[in-house]
Amino acid sequence: MTDLSAAQGEQAAQALRQSNIPALRRLAVVGSESQLVLTGRVPSYYIKQLAQEAILPHLAGRELVNRVVVSRS
C-alpha cells in the first residue's frame, strides 16, 4: 500500500468516525491501491447504505467492497 492509499483509507475512516450515527463510528475501512474495504456490523440496510455513501468521496478510482453485515443483535 502506498502512502497515498493509506492516507485516503484513513480519510474514509475519519469520515465514518465523525458521523452522528453511532453504528457508523464502529465500522472499519481498510485501503489498498485498488480497493477500499468496509467492514463491521450495523442494525439496518439503510445504515449500511449511509456508510457506503460516506466513503464514496474517498475512493479515488478504487473499488468499494462493502462487507458490512446487517444484524439487529
N, C-alpha and C. Protein backbone atom coordinates (compact mmCIF):
# COMPACT_ATOMS: atom_id res chain seq x y z
N MET A 1 0.84 -1.17 0.00
CA MET A 1 0.00 0.00 0.00
C MET A 1 0.89 1.23 0.00
N THR A 2 0.60 2.17 -0.88
CA THR A 2 1.38 3.40 -0.92
C THR A 2 0.91 4.35 0.18
N ASP A 3 1.72 5.36 0.44
CA ASP A 3 1.35 6.36 1.44
C ASP A 3 0.05 7.05 1.07
N LEU A 4 -0.13 7.31 -0.25
CA LEU A 4 -1.35 7.96 -0.71
C LEU A 4 -2.56 7.09 -0.44
N SER A 5 -2.49 5.78 -0.73
CA SER A 5 -3.63 4.89 -0.46
C SER A 5 -3.93 4.82 1.02
N ALA A 6 -2.90 4.77 1.84
CA ALA A 6 -3.10 4.72 3.29
C ALA A 6 -3.78 6.00 3.76
N ALA A 7 -3.35 7.13 3.24
CA ALA A 7 -3.95 8.41 3.64
C ALA A 7 -5.41 8.49 3.23
N GLN A 8 -5.72 8.02 2.03
CA GLN A 8 -7.10 8.05 1.56
C GLN A 8 -7.97 7.08 2.36
N GLY A 9 -7.44 5.93 2.71
CA GLY A 9 -8.17 5.00 3.56
C GLY A 9 -8.44 5.60 4.92
N GLU A 10 -7.46 6.32 5.46
CA GLU A 10 -7.63 6.98 6.75
C GLU A 10 -8.67 8.10 6.65
N GLN A 11 -8.70 8.81 5.55
CA GLN A 11 -9.70 9.86 5.35
C GLN A 11 -11.10 9.26 5.32
N ALA A 12 -11.25 8.11 4.68
CA ALA A 12 -12.55 7.44 4.64
C ALA A 12 -12.96 7.00 6.04
N ALA A 13 -12.03 6.44 6.79
CA ALA A 13 -12.31 6.01 8.16
C ALA A 13 -12.67 7.22 9.03
N GLN A 14 -11.99 8.33 8.83
CA GLN A 14 -12.27 9.55 9.57
C GLN A 14 -13.69 10.05 9.27
N ALA A 15 -14.11 9.95 8.03
CA ALA A 15 -15.47 10.37 7.66
C ALA A 15 -16.51 9.56 8.46
N LEU A 16 -16.26 8.28 8.66
CA LEU A 16 -17.18 7.45 9.45
C LEU A 16 -17.11 7.82 10.93
N ARG A 17 -15.91 8.06 11.44
CA ARG A 17 -15.76 8.40 12.87
C ARG A 17 -16.43 9.72 13.22
N GLN A 18 -16.57 10.60 12.26
CA GLN A 18 -17.19 11.90 12.51
C GLN A 18 -18.70 11.89 12.34
N SER A 19 -19.26 10.75 12.03
CA SER A 19 -20.70 10.64 11.81
C SER A 19 -21.49 10.84 13.10
N ASN A 20 -22.71 11.34 12.94
CA ASN A 20 -23.63 11.46 14.07
C ASN A 20 -24.29 10.13 14.41
N ILE A 21 -24.08 9.13 13.59
CA ILE A 21 -24.71 7.82 13.77
C ILE A 21 -23.70 6.88 14.44
N PRO A 22 -23.97 6.46 15.68
CA PRO A 22 -23.01 5.62 16.41
C PRO A 22 -22.59 4.35 15.66
N ALA A 23 -23.50 3.71 14.96
CA ALA A 23 -23.16 2.47 14.24
C ALA A 23 -22.10 2.72 13.18
N LEU A 24 -22.11 3.88 12.56
CA LEU A 24 -21.11 4.19 11.53
C LEU A 24 -19.73 4.40 12.15
N ARG A 25 -19.70 4.93 13.35
CA ARG A 25 -18.40 5.17 14.01
C ARG A 25 -17.69 3.88 14.41
N ARG A 26 -18.43 2.78 14.45
CA ARG A 26 -17.82 1.48 14.82
C ARG A 26 -17.34 0.68 13.61
N LEU A 27 -17.53 1.17 12.41
CA LEU A 27 -17.12 0.44 11.21
C LEU A 27 -15.63 0.65 10.94
N ALA A 28 -15.06 -0.26 10.17
CA ALA A 28 -13.64 -0.18 9.82
C ALA A 28 -13.48 -0.06 8.31
N VAL A 29 -12.43 0.64 7.90
CA VAL A 29 -12.09 0.79 6.49
C VAL A 29 -10.63 0.39 6.32
N VAL A 30 -10.38 -0.50 5.38
CA VAL A 30 -9.01 -0.89 5.05
C VAL A 30 -8.81 -0.55 3.58
N GLY A 31 -7.73 0.15 3.29
CA GLY A 31 -7.47 0.58 1.93
C GLY A 31 -6.26 -0.09 1.32
N SER A 32 -6.32 -0.28 0.03
CA SER A 32 -5.18 -0.72 -0.75
C SER A 32 -5.15 0.14 -2.01
N GLU A 33 -4.23 -0.13 -2.90
CA GLU A 33 -4.15 0.68 -4.12
C GLU A 33 -5.36 0.48 -5.02
N SER A 34 -6.03 -0.67 -4.92
CA SER A 34 -7.15 -0.94 -5.82
C SER A 34 -8.52 -0.98 -5.13
N GLN A 35 -8.57 -1.04 -3.80
CA GLN A 35 -9.85 -1.20 -3.11
C GLN A 35 -9.89 -0.44 -1.79
N LEU A 36 -11.12 -0.11 -1.38
CA LEU A 36 -11.42 0.25 0.00
C LEU A 36 -12.41 -0.79 0.48
N VAL A 37 -12.10 -1.45 1.59
CA VAL A 37 -12.97 -2.49 2.12
C VAL A 37 -13.61 -1.97 3.40
N LEU A 38 -14.93 -1.98 3.43
CA LEU A 38 -15.71 -1.50 4.56
C LEU A 38 -16.23 -2.71 5.31
N THR A 39 -15.95 -2.80 6.62
CA THR A 39 -16.39 -3.95 7.41
C THR A 39 -17.01 -3.51 8.73
N GLY A 40 -17.79 -4.39 9.29
CA GLY A 40 -18.42 -4.15 10.58
C GLY A 40 -19.85 -4.64 10.58
N ARG A 41 -20.61 -4.17 11.56
CA ARG A 41 -21.99 -4.62 11.74
C ARG A 41 -22.87 -3.40 12.02
N VAL A 42 -24.02 -3.35 11.35
CA VAL A 42 -24.99 -2.26 11.55
C VAL A 42 -26.38 -2.85 11.72
N PRO A 43 -27.32 -2.08 12.30
CA PRO A 43 -28.65 -2.63 12.57
C PRO A 43 -29.64 -2.58 11.41
N SER A 44 -29.29 -1.90 10.30
CA SER A 44 -30.25 -1.83 9.19
C SER A 44 -29.53 -1.65 7.85
N TYR A 45 -30.26 -2.00 6.78
CA TYR A 45 -29.71 -1.82 5.44
C TYR A 45 -29.56 -0.33 5.11
N TYR A 46 -30.42 0.48 5.68
CA TYR A 46 -30.32 1.92 5.47
C TYR A 46 -28.98 2.45 6.00
N ILE A 47 -28.60 2.03 7.18
CA ILE A 47 -27.32 2.49 7.76
C ILE A 47 -26.15 1.92 6.97
N LYS A 48 -26.29 0.71 6.47
CA LYS A 48 -25.24 0.14 5.62
C LYS A 48 -25.05 1.02 4.38
N GLN A 49 -26.14 1.49 3.80
CA GLN A 49 -26.05 2.36 2.64
C GLN A 49 -25.45 3.72 3.01
N LEU A 50 -25.81 4.25 4.17
CA LEU A 50 -25.22 5.51 4.62
C LEU A 50 -23.70 5.39 4.77
N ALA A 51 -23.25 4.26 5.28
CA ALA A 51 -21.81 4.03 5.44
C ALA A 51 -21.11 4.06 4.08
N GLN A 52 -21.71 3.39 3.13
CA GLN A 52 -21.14 3.35 1.79
C GLN A 52 -21.09 4.75 1.19
N GLU A 53 -22.16 5.49 1.33
CA GLU A 53 -22.21 6.85 0.78
C GLU A 53 -21.18 7.77 1.45
N ALA A 54 -20.90 7.55 2.73
CA ALA A 54 -19.95 8.39 3.46
C ALA A 54 -18.53 8.23 2.94
N ILE A 55 -18.19 7.04 2.43
CA ILE A 55 -16.81 6.85 1.97
C ILE A 55 -16.65 6.95 0.46
N LEU A 56 -17.74 7.07 -0.28
CA LEU A 56 -17.63 7.20 -1.74
C LEU A 56 -16.71 8.34 -2.18
N PRO A 57 -16.74 9.51 -1.54
CA PRO A 57 -15.84 10.59 -1.98
C PRO A 57 -14.35 10.27 -1.80
N HIS A 58 -14.03 9.22 -1.07
CA HIS A 58 -12.63 8.89 -0.78
C HIS A 58 -12.11 7.72 -1.61
N LEU A 59 -12.89 7.26 -2.58
CA LEU A 59 -12.48 6.09 -3.38
C LEU A 59 -11.30 6.39 -4.30
N ALA A 60 -11.25 7.57 -4.88
CA ALA A 60 -10.16 7.96 -5.79
C ALA A 60 -9.90 6.89 -6.86
N GLY A 61 -10.98 6.43 -7.49
CA GLY A 61 -10.85 5.45 -8.57
C GLY A 61 -10.74 4.01 -8.13
N ARG A 62 -10.77 3.75 -6.83
CA ARG A 62 -10.68 2.37 -6.34
C ARG A 62 -12.07 1.75 -6.23
N GLU A 63 -12.10 0.45 -6.17
CA GLU A 63 -13.33 -0.31 -5.98
C GLU A 63 -13.73 -0.26 -4.51
N LEU A 64 -15.03 -0.13 -4.25
CA LEU A 64 -15.54 -0.20 -2.90
C LEU A 64 -16.06 -1.62 -2.66
N VAL A 65 -15.56 -2.27 -1.62
CA VAL A 65 -16.04 -3.59 -1.24
C VAL A 65 -16.76 -3.40 0.11
N ASN A 66 -18.08 -3.54 0.09
CA ASN A 66 -18.89 -3.31 1.28
C ASN A 66 -19.19 -4.66 1.94
N ARG A 67 -18.47 -4.98 3.00
CA ARG A 67 -18.65 -6.24 3.70
C ARG A 67 -19.37 -6.04 5.05
N VAL A 68 -20.10 -4.95 5.14
CA VAL A 68 -20.85 -4.67 6.35
C VAL A 68 -22.00 -5.66 6.48
N VAL A 69 -22.17 -6.21 7.66
CA VAL A 69 -23.23 -7.17 7.95
C VAL A 69 -24.38 -6.46 8.64
N VAL A 70 -25.61 -6.74 8.20
CA VAL A 70 -26.79 -6.17 8.85
C VAL A 70 -27.31 -7.19 9.85
N SER A 71 -27.35 -6.76 11.11
CA SER A 71 -27.80 -7.66 12.17
C SER A 71 -28.33 -6.82 13.33
N ARG A 72 -29.46 -7.20 13.86
CA ARG A 72 -30.04 -6.47 14.99
C ARG A 72 -29.39 -6.82 16.31
N SER A 73 -28.61 -7.87 16.37
CA SER A 73 -28.00 -8.27 17.65
C SER A 73 -26.66 -7.64 17.89
